[in-house]
């Protein structure tokens, strides 16, 4: 890809923030009471003494980040693992550390919650600690499906946690996994649509290499996957939860601001073992972004340096297109050009014309959007754009 005039600017959806301020922090809490057979993330069981060591190392890492970057957080996201398995005093210590290092947590503070770790008293404690958004791993409303997924909670427990969270007045999101063998996905979507939550993440079951499901030969039927994707859009949309990203649906104004930062190629910190970060470069030049991935728990506790990958303009463009086209509002090609000095519109023109002719994308001004059909075959769309001409 060739450079263009880097003075051009754009502000449409998917453009991201071209300043060097880091607005988002992801914190990986790796501890899990159980390891689900579909989970590809770095997770470990809690052992004696490990959490105090984790909290001390996390504080040191946050201090290092505050010294190196201009951090002004809009969002903080605690994921895992099972961050809700931390004791309340441990979670309070973690949050206070981040507040002290960064001057605040931002307006949106999300805690991922396993229903088996949550009851009404704990929900109140989490809210009082400053958590503003609960992301509850319901996964299924059918006990037989939950058993197939290896989950330790049942549907009634999960739904009770959701109802109690809604009563507290915090933002509530639920996760639902679809395209599972034997699942009545239409019925599950109807139940979730009727819960009264602000946000639903409806993810297709993905079989990741190295997971127990992969070793057992579990497969996902592509026809069932396509049906689930289409039904999710209609059922959740009819309930006021509009699709705004491939797998995510929300009431207007309740989109996950943290995840929007990912899809818009904003800067974010990755704190904790195996956490990934997307960071501004330390100086001007061909490197336009730096991606880092932390070591796993043992190495991270020992202070191991994260793996660094410098992204030049073309590499940043590829990431920005892959992430930004997941959004229904699409991605601003001119804004990517302004950040990278790469002629995205010129180099992708022929591919865009072919995809438009196939009904898979729309180009409005400089904003490229996947159509409804294109969202369903997004891998094909992004491959065509990245494999131009």
Protein backbone atom coordinates (compact mmCIF):
# COMPACT_ATOMS: atom_id res chain seq x y z
CA UNK A 1 0.00 0.00 0.00
CA UNK A 2 1.27 3.45 -0.92
CA UNK A 3 1.33 6.60 1.25
CA UNK A 4 -1.13 9.45 0.77
CA UNK A 5 -1.47 12.94 2.20
CA UNK A 6 -1.51 12.36 5.97
CA UNK A 7 -3.18 15.73 6.64
CA UNK A 8 -6.59 14.35 5.70
CA UNK A 9 -8.97 13.64 8.55
CA UNK A 10 -12.28 11.86 9.07
CA UNK A 11 -14.68 11.41 11.96
CA UNK A 12 -17.23 8.82 10.82
CA UNK A 13 -18.09 5.63 12.68
CA UNK A 14 -15.24 3.20 13.10
CA UNK A 15 -12.57 5.87 12.74
CA UNK A 16 -11.04 5.69 16.20
CA UNK A 17 -9.08 8.32 18.11
CA UNK A 18 -5.82 9.39 16.47
CA UNK A 19 -4.48 11.15 19.59
CA UNK A 20 -1.97 9.38 21.83
CA UNK A 21 -4.22 9.30 24.90
CA UNK A 22 -5.09 5.80 26.14
CA UNK A 23 -8.82 5.69 26.91
CA UNK A 24 -9.44 2.05 27.78
CA UNK A 25 -8.02 -0.57 30.14
CA UNK A 26 -8.62 -4.30 29.98
CA UNK A 27 -7.71 -6.31 33.09
CA UNK A 28 -7.36 -10.06 32.75
CA UNK A 29 -8.28 -12.00 35.89
CA UNK A 30 -7.25 -15.58 35.03
CA UNK A 31 -8.72 -17.42 38.01
CA UNK A 32 -11.58 -19.83 37.32
CA UNK A 33 -13.36 -22.27 39.63
CA UNK A 34 -13.74 -24.55 36.57
CA UNK A 35 -12.32 -24.73 33.06
CA UNK A 36 -15.06 -24.86 30.42
CA UNK A 37 -14.38 -27.19 27.46
CA UNK A 38 -14.96 -24.43 24.88
CA UNK A 39 -12.77 -21.79 26.56
CA UNK A 40 -9.59 -20.78 24.65
CA UNK A 41 -8.41 -18.15 27.14
CA UNK A 42 -5.55 -18.31 29.64
CA UNK A 43 -7.28 -19.49 32.81
CA UNK A 44 -6.00 -21.20 35.95
CA UNK A 45 -7.45 -22.51 39.15
CA UNK A 46 -6.87 -20.44 42.25
CA UNK A 47 -4.12 -21.73 44.54
CA UNK A 48 -2.97 -20.61 47.98
CA UNK A 49 -1.23 -17.24 47.95
CA UNK A 50 -1.53 -16.58 44.23
CA UNK A 51 -4.13 -13.77 44.38
CA UNK A 52 -2.05 -11.46 46.65
CA UNK A 53 0.89 -11.96 44.29
CA UNK A 54 -1.37 -11.25 41.31
CA UNK A 55 -2.70 -8.03 42.88
CA UNK A 56 0.80 -6.78 43.74
CA UNK A 57 2.10 -7.45 40.21
CA UNK A 58 -1.00 -5.84 38.68
CA UNK A 59 -0.41 -2.68 40.73
CA UNK A 60 3.21 -2.55 39.58
CA UNK A 61 2.15 -3.03 35.96
CA UNK A 62 -0.45 -0.25 36.23
CA UNK A 63 2.20 2.04 37.74
CA UNK A 64 4.53 1.31 34.81
CA UNK A 65 1.75 2.03 32.32
CA UNK A 66 0.86 5.33 34.01
CA UNK A 67 4.50 6.41 33.79
CA UNK A 68 4.83 5.49 30.09
CA UNK A 69 1.53 6.67 28.62
CA UNK A 70 -0.97 9.49 28.79
CA UNK A 71 -3.85 7.55 30.37
CA UNK A 72 -7.29 9.13 30.76
CA UNK A 73 -9.73 6.25 31.02
CA UNK A 74 -13.21 6.24 29.57
CA UNK A 75 -13.71 2.54 30.28
CA UNK A 76 -12.32 -0.26 32.40
CA UNK A 77 -13.16 -3.90 31.69
CA UNK A 78 -12.47 -6.79 34.07
CA UNK A 79 -12.53 -10.04 32.11
CA UNK A 80 -11.21 -13.51 32.50
CA UNK A 81 -11.21 -16.06 33.66
CA UNK A 82 -13.81 -15.33 36.27
CA UNK A 83 -13.19 -11.93 37.86
CA UNK A 84 -16.39 -12.34 39.87
CA UNK A 85 -14.70 -15.23 41.71
CA UNK A 86 -12.44 -12.74 43.51
CA UNK A 87 -13.45 -11.97 47.09
CA UNK A 88 -14.99 -8.55 47.57
CA UNK A 89 -11.93 -7.25 49.43
CA UNK A 90 -9.66 -8.51 46.65
CA UNK A 91 -11.75 -6.81 43.98
CA UNK A 92 -11.78 -3.61 46.05
CA UNK A 93 -7.96 -3.71 46.22
CA UNK A 94 -7.73 -4.20 42.45
CA UNK A 95 -10.06 -1.29 41.65
CA UNK A 96 -8.40 1.03 44.16
CA UNK A 97 -5.03 0.28 42.60
CA UNK A 98 -6.29 1.28 39.17
CA UNK A 99 -7.90 4.44 40.52
CA UNK A 100 -4.70 5.43 42.26
CA UNK A 101 -2.51 4.82 39.22
CA UNK A 102 -4.79 6.26 36.53
CA UNK A 103 -6.80 8.88 38.43
CA UNK A 104 -10.09 7.05 37.84
CA UNK A 105 -11.72 4.12 36.08
CA UNK A 106 -13.89 5.96 33.56
CA UNK A 107 -17.64 6.19 33.21
CA UNK A 108 -18.09 2.54 32.15
CA UNK A 109 -16.65 -0.12 34.47
CA UNK A 110 -17.55 -3.68 33.45
CA UNK A 111 -17.28 -6.86 35.50
CA UNK A 112 -17.70 -10.24 33.84
CA UNK A 113 -19.84 -12.40 36.10
CA UNK A 114 -20.27 -16.17 36.30
CA UNK A 115 -23.80 -16.74 37.64
CA UNK A 116 -22.51 -19.37 40.05
CA UNK A 117 -20.42 -16.75 41.87
CA UNK A 118 -23.15 -14.14 42.20
CA UNK A 119 -26.04 -13.60 44.57
CA UNK A 120 -27.99 -10.47 45.38
CA UNK A 121 -25.66 -9.39 48.24
CA UNK A 122 -22.57 -9.69 46.05
CA UNK A 123 -24.23 -7.74 43.25
CA UNK A 124 -24.85 -4.88 45.69
CA UNK A 125 -21.24 -5.02 46.89
CA UNK A 126 -19.93 -4.88 43.32
CA UNK A 127 -22.14 -1.93 42.48
CA UNK A 128 -20.99 -0.12 45.61
CA UNK A 129 -17.36 -0.70 44.60
CA UNK A 130 -18.00 1.34 41.45
CA UNK A 131 -18.90 -1.35 38.93
CA UNK A 132 -21.36 0.25 36.52
CA UNK A 133 -21.93 -2.62 34.09
CA UNK A 134 -22.46 -6.33 34.70
CA UNK A 135 -21.68 -8.75 31.87
CA UNK A 136 -23.36 -11.98 32.93
CA UNK A 137 -22.33 -15.28 31.37
CA UNK A 138 -25.77 -16.86 31.07
CA UNK A 139 -24.58 -18.79 27.95
CA UNK A 140 -27.86 -20.73 27.70
CA UNK A 141 -31.34 -20.78 29.23
CA UNK A 142 -31.56 -24.57 28.79
CA UNK A 143 -30.07 -26.84 31.47
CA UNK A 144 -29.28 -29.58 28.97
CA UNK A 145 -27.31 -27.14 26.81
CA UNK A 146 -25.49 -25.76 29.86
CA UNK A 147 -24.47 -29.29 30.78
CA UNK A 148 -23.19 -29.84 27.24
CA UNK A 149 -21.13 -26.65 27.58
CA UNK A 150 -19.66 -27.88 30.87
CA UNK A 151 -21.12 -24.98 32.84
CA UNK A 152 -21.57 -25.40 36.59
CA UNK A 153 -24.66 -23.18 36.93
CA UNK A 154 -28.21 -23.92 35.89
CA UNK A 155 -30.60 -21.71 33.97
CA UNK A 156 -32.74 -20.69 36.94
CA UNK A 157 -29.67 -19.46 38.84
CA UNK A 158 -28.50 -17.40 35.87
CA UNK A 159 -31.90 -15.86 35.26
CA UNK A 160 -32.27 -14.99 38.95
CA UNK A 161 -28.91 -13.19 38.86
CA UNK A 162 -29.99 -11.25 35.78
CA UNK A 163 -33.25 -10.19 37.43
CA UNK A 164 -31.47 -9.09 40.62
CA UNK A 165 -28.93 -7.10 38.60
CA UNK A 166 -31.65 -5.30 36.66
CA UNK A 167 -33.31 -4.35 39.95
CA UNK A 168 -30.08 -2.59 41.03
CA UNK A 169 -30.29 -0.19 38.11
CA UNK A 170 -26.85 -0.94 36.64
CA UNK A 171 -26.20 -1.68 32.98
CA UNK A 172 -26.80 -5.38 32.37
CA UNK A 173 -25.49 -7.44 29.47
CA UNK A 174 -25.93 -11.17 29.01
CA UNK A 175 -23.91 -13.61 26.94
CA UNK A 176 -25.65 -16.31 24.92
CA UNK A 177 -23.81 -19.00 22.97
CA UNK A 178 -25.60 -20.22 19.84
CA UNK A 179 -25.29 -22.97 17.22
CA UNK A 180 -24.82 -25.70 19.84
CA UNK A 181 -25.87 -29.21 18.90
CA UNK A 182 -29.37 -29.94 20.20
CA UNK A 183 -30.11 -26.29 21.05
CA UNK A 184 -33.46 -24.69 20.26
CA UNK A 185 -31.85 -21.38 19.39
CA UNK A 186 -35.11 -19.68 18.45
CA UNK A 187 -36.61 -20.42 21.86
CA UNK A 188 -33.43 -19.33 23.65
CA UNK A 189 -33.34 -16.01 21.80
CA UNK A 190 -37.00 -15.41 22.66
CA UNK A 191 -36.26 -15.98 26.36
CA UNK A 192 -33.25 -13.69 26.33
CA UNK A 193 -35.12 -11.01 24.41
CA UNK A 194 -37.74 -10.99 27.14
CA UNK A 195 -35.35 -10.50 30.05
CA UNK A 196 -35.36 -6.71 29.89
CA UNK A 197 -31.58 -6.34 29.70
CA UNK A 198 -29.77 -3.47 27.95
CA UNK A 199 -27.33 -5.55 25.92
CA UNK A 200 -26.97 -9.08 24.55
CA UNK A 201 -23.85 -10.71 23.14
CA UNK A 202 -25.00 -13.66 21.02
CA UNK A 203 -21.87 -15.57 20.06
CA UNK A 204 -21.65 -18.57 17.79
CA UNK A 205 -19.92 -21.49 19.49
CA UNK A 206 -16.36 -21.41 18.18
CA UNK A 207 -14.13 -24.46 18.38
CA UNK A 208 -10.63 -23.19 19.19
CA UNK A 209 -7.51 -25.29 18.76
CA UNK A 210 -6.26 -26.79 22.01
CA UNK A 211 -9.62 -26.78 23.80
CA UNK A 212 -11.30 -29.98 25.01
CA UNK A 213 -14.05 -29.47 22.43
CA UNK A 214 -11.44 -29.38 19.65
CA UNK A 215 -9.77 -32.53 20.97
CA UNK A 216 -13.16 -34.26 21.14
CA UNK A 217 -13.98 -33.34 17.54
CA UNK A 218 -16.96 -31.11 18.34
CA UNK A 219 -18.13 -29.30 15.22
CA UNK A 220 -20.50 -26.43 14.41
CA UNK A 221 -22.98 -26.88 11.56
CA UNK A 222 -22.57 -23.83 9.27
CA UNK A 223 -26.26 -23.91 8.34
CA UNK A 224 -27.23 -23.81 12.01
CA UNK A 225 -24.72 -20.99 12.55
CA UNK A 226 -26.24 -18.97 9.70
CA UNK A 227 -29.76 -19.57 11.01
CA UNK A 228 -28.75 -18.46 14.53
CA UNK A 229 -27.09 -15.30 13.19
CA UNK A 230 -30.17 -14.33 11.18
CA UNK A 231 -32.63 -15.21 13.95
CA UNK A 232 -30.64 -13.22 16.52
CA UNK A 233 -30.88 -10.10 14.41
CA UNK A 234 -34.64 -10.41 14.00
CA UNK A 235 -35.63 -11.64 17.48
CA UNK A 236 -33.41 -9.30 19.47
CA UNK A 237 -34.07 -6.41 17.08
CA UNK A 238 -37.84 -6.82 17.50
CA UNK A 239 -37.27 -6.55 21.28
CA UNK A 240 -35.44 -3.22 20.87
CA UNK A 241 -31.94 -4.70 21.01
CA UNK A 242 -30.50 -3.64 17.66
CA UNK A 243 -27.45 -5.35 16.22
CA UNK A 244 -24.58 -2.84 16.26
CA UNK A 245 -21.76 -5.37 15.79
CA UNK A 246 -21.68 -8.87 14.36
CA UNK A 247 -22.41 -10.57 17.70
CA UNK A 248 -23.62 -7.67 19.84
CA UNK A 249 -27.05 -6.12 20.27
CA UNK A 250 -28.11 -3.20 22.45
CA UNK A 251 -30.81 -0.73 23.24
CA UNK A 252 -29.93 2.72 21.86
CA UNK A 253 -27.24 4.31 24.03
CA UNK A 254 -26.33 1.04 25.75
CA UNK A 255 -23.63 -0.22 23.38
CA UNK A 256 -20.50 -1.43 25.16
CA UNK A 257 -18.18 1.57 25.03
CA UNK A 258 -15.15 -0.52 25.94
CA UNK A 259 -15.59 -2.96 23.07
CA UNK A 260 -16.35 -0.11 20.69
CA UNK A 261 -12.83 1.07 21.49
CA UNK A 262 -11.47 -2.23 20.15
CA UNK A 263 -13.51 -2.12 16.98
CA UNK A 264 -12.61 1.52 16.34
CA UNK A 265 -8.88 0.88 16.81
CA UNK A 266 -8.55 3.14 19.85
CA UNK A 267 -5.63 2.72 22.26
CA UNK A 268 -6.09 0.37 25.19
CA UNK A 269 -4.00 -1.06 27.99
CA UNK A 270 -3.84 -4.80 28.58
CA UNK A 271 -3.12 -5.57 32.23
CA UNK A 272 -2.68 -9.01 33.74
CA UNK A 273 -1.35 -12.33 32.39
CA UNK A 274 -1.87 -12.95 28.66
CA UNK A 275 -3.64 -9.58 28.26
CA UNK A 276 -3.23 -7.85 24.89
CA UNK A 277 -2.78 -4.11 24.43
CA UNK A 278 -2.97 -1.70 21.49
CA UNK A 279 -0.72 1.26 22.17
CA UNK A 280 0.55 4.43 20.52
CA UNK A 281 4.16 4.41 19.28
CA UNK A 282 6.78 6.24 21.29
CA UNK A 283 7.85 8.41 18.36
CA UNK A 284 6.80 9.44 14.86
CA UNK A 285 7.88 7.23 12.00
CA UNK A 286 6.80 4.16 10.04
CA UNK A 287 5.46 2.46 13.19
CA UNK A 288 1.90 3.69 13.77
CA UNK A 289 0.87 1.35 16.62
CA UNK A 290 2.33 -1.25 18.96
CA UNK A 291 0.57 -4.46 19.90
CA UNK A 292 1.72 -6.22 23.07
CA UNK A 293 0.72 -9.53 24.62
CA UNK A 294 1.68 -10.36 28.20
CA UNK A 295 3.22 -13.65 29.26
CA UNK A 296 1.11 -16.26 31.02
CA UNK A 297 0.68 -16.15 34.78
CA UNK A 298 4.00 -17.63 35.89
CA UNK A 299 6.16 -15.48 33.64
CA UNK A 300 4.03 -12.39 34.18
CA UNK A 301 4.31 -12.70 37.97
CA UNK A 302 8.07 -12.88 37.52
CA UNK A 303 8.10 -9.62 35.59
CA UNK A 304 8.57 -11.06 32.10
CA UNK A 305 8.47 -8.44 29.35
CA UNK A 306 5.42 -8.66 27.07
CA UNK A 307 5.80 -9.68 23.44
CA UNK A 308 5.88 -6.52 21.29
CA UNK A 309 4.79 -6.25 17.67
CA UNK A 310 5.31 -2.98 15.82
CA UNK A 311 2.55 -2.22 13.30
CA UNK A 312 3.41 -0.19 10.23
CA UNK A 313 0.75 1.52 8.12
CA UNK A 314 -0.36 -1.52 6.07
CA UNK A 315 -0.53 -3.75 9.16
CA UNK A 316 -2.61 -1.15 10.99
CA UNK A 317 -4.92 -0.87 7.98
CA UNK A 318 -5.50 -4.62 7.98
CA UNK A 319 -6.37 -4.63 11.69
CA UNK A 320 -8.60 -1.56 11.36
CA UNK A 321 -10.58 -3.05 8.46
CA UNK A 322 -11.00 -6.44 10.15
CA UNK A 323 -12.20 -4.83 13.39
CA UNK A 324 -14.10 -1.85 11.99
CA UNK A 325 -16.19 -3.78 9.50
CA UNK A 326 -17.63 -5.81 12.36
CA UNK A 327 -19.60 -2.68 13.25
CA UNK A 328 -22.93 -2.11 11.55
CA UNK A 329 -21.91 1.56 11.17
CA UNK A 330 -18.77 0.48 9.38
CA UNK A 331 -15.36 2.09 9.16
CA UNK A 332 -14.18 5.48 7.85
CA UNK A 333 -11.51 4.81 5.25
CA UNK A 334 -10.38 8.44 5.19
CA UNK A 335 -9.77 8.36 8.94
CA UNK A 336 -7.62 5.24 8.57
CA UNK A 337 -5.68 7.02 5.83
CA UNK A 338 -5.12 9.98 8.12
CA UNK A 339 -3.66 7.72 10.79
CA UNK A 340 -1.47 5.65 8.48
CA UNK A 341 -0.67 7.65 5.31
CA UNK A 342 -1.90 4.64 3.29
CA UNK A 343 -4.14 5.06 0.21
CA UNK A 344 -6.80 2.65 1.42
CA UNK A 345 -9.54 3.91 -0.91
CA UNK A 346 -7.31 3.79 -3.96
CA UNK A 347 -5.81 0.40 -3.30
CA UNK A 348 -9.10 -1.25 -2.31
CA UNK A 349 -11.22 0.41 -5.02
CA UNK A 350 -11.50 -2.63 -7.29
CA UNK A 351 -12.28 -4.97 -4.37
CA UNK A 352 -14.90 -2.56 -3.02
CA UNK A 353 -16.54 -2.37 -6.45
CA UNK A 354 -16.70 -6.17 -6.69
CA UNK A 355 -18.07 -6.53 -3.16
CA UNK A 356 -20.63 -3.79 -3.83
CA UNK A 357 -21.74 -5.58 -7.00
CA UNK A 358 -22.14 -8.76 -4.93
CA UNK A 359 -24.32 -6.89 -2.42
CA UNK A 360 -21.88 -7.41 0.45
CA UNK A 361 -20.76 -3.83 1.18
CA UNK A 362 -21.94 -0.24 0.80
CA UNK A 363 -19.63 2.75 0.38
CA UNK A 364 -21.22 6.03 1.47
CA UNK A 365 -18.78 8.88 1.11
CA UNK A 366 -15.67 7.47 2.77
CA UNK A 367 -17.54 5.14 5.14
CA UNK A 368 -17.47 1.47 4.19
CA UNK A 369 -20.17 -0.75 5.70
CA UNK A 370 -20.89 -4.42 5.36
CA UNK A 371 -24.45 -5.13 4.28
CA UNK A 372 -26.65 -7.48 6.27
CA UNK A 373 -25.53 -10.26 3.93
CA UNK A 374 -21.92 -9.12 4.22
CA UNK A 375 -21.97 -9.29 8.01
CA UNK A 376 -22.90 -12.94 7.71
CA UNK A 377 -19.81 -13.68 5.56
CA UNK A 378 -17.44 -11.11 6.99
CA UNK A 379 -14.35 -13.30 6.61
CA UNK A 380 -14.97 -13.33 2.85
CA UNK A 381 -15.41 -9.54 2.80
CA UNK A 382 -12.24 -8.72 4.70
CA UNK A 383 -10.21 -11.32 2.77
CA UNK A 384 -11.24 -9.67 -0.50
CA UNK A 385 -10.24 -6.23 0.77
CA UNK A 386 -6.89 -7.36 2.12
CA UNK A 387 -6.11 -9.43 -0.97
CA UNK A 388 -6.60 -6.57 -3.44
CA UNK A 389 -6.59 -5.84 -6.29
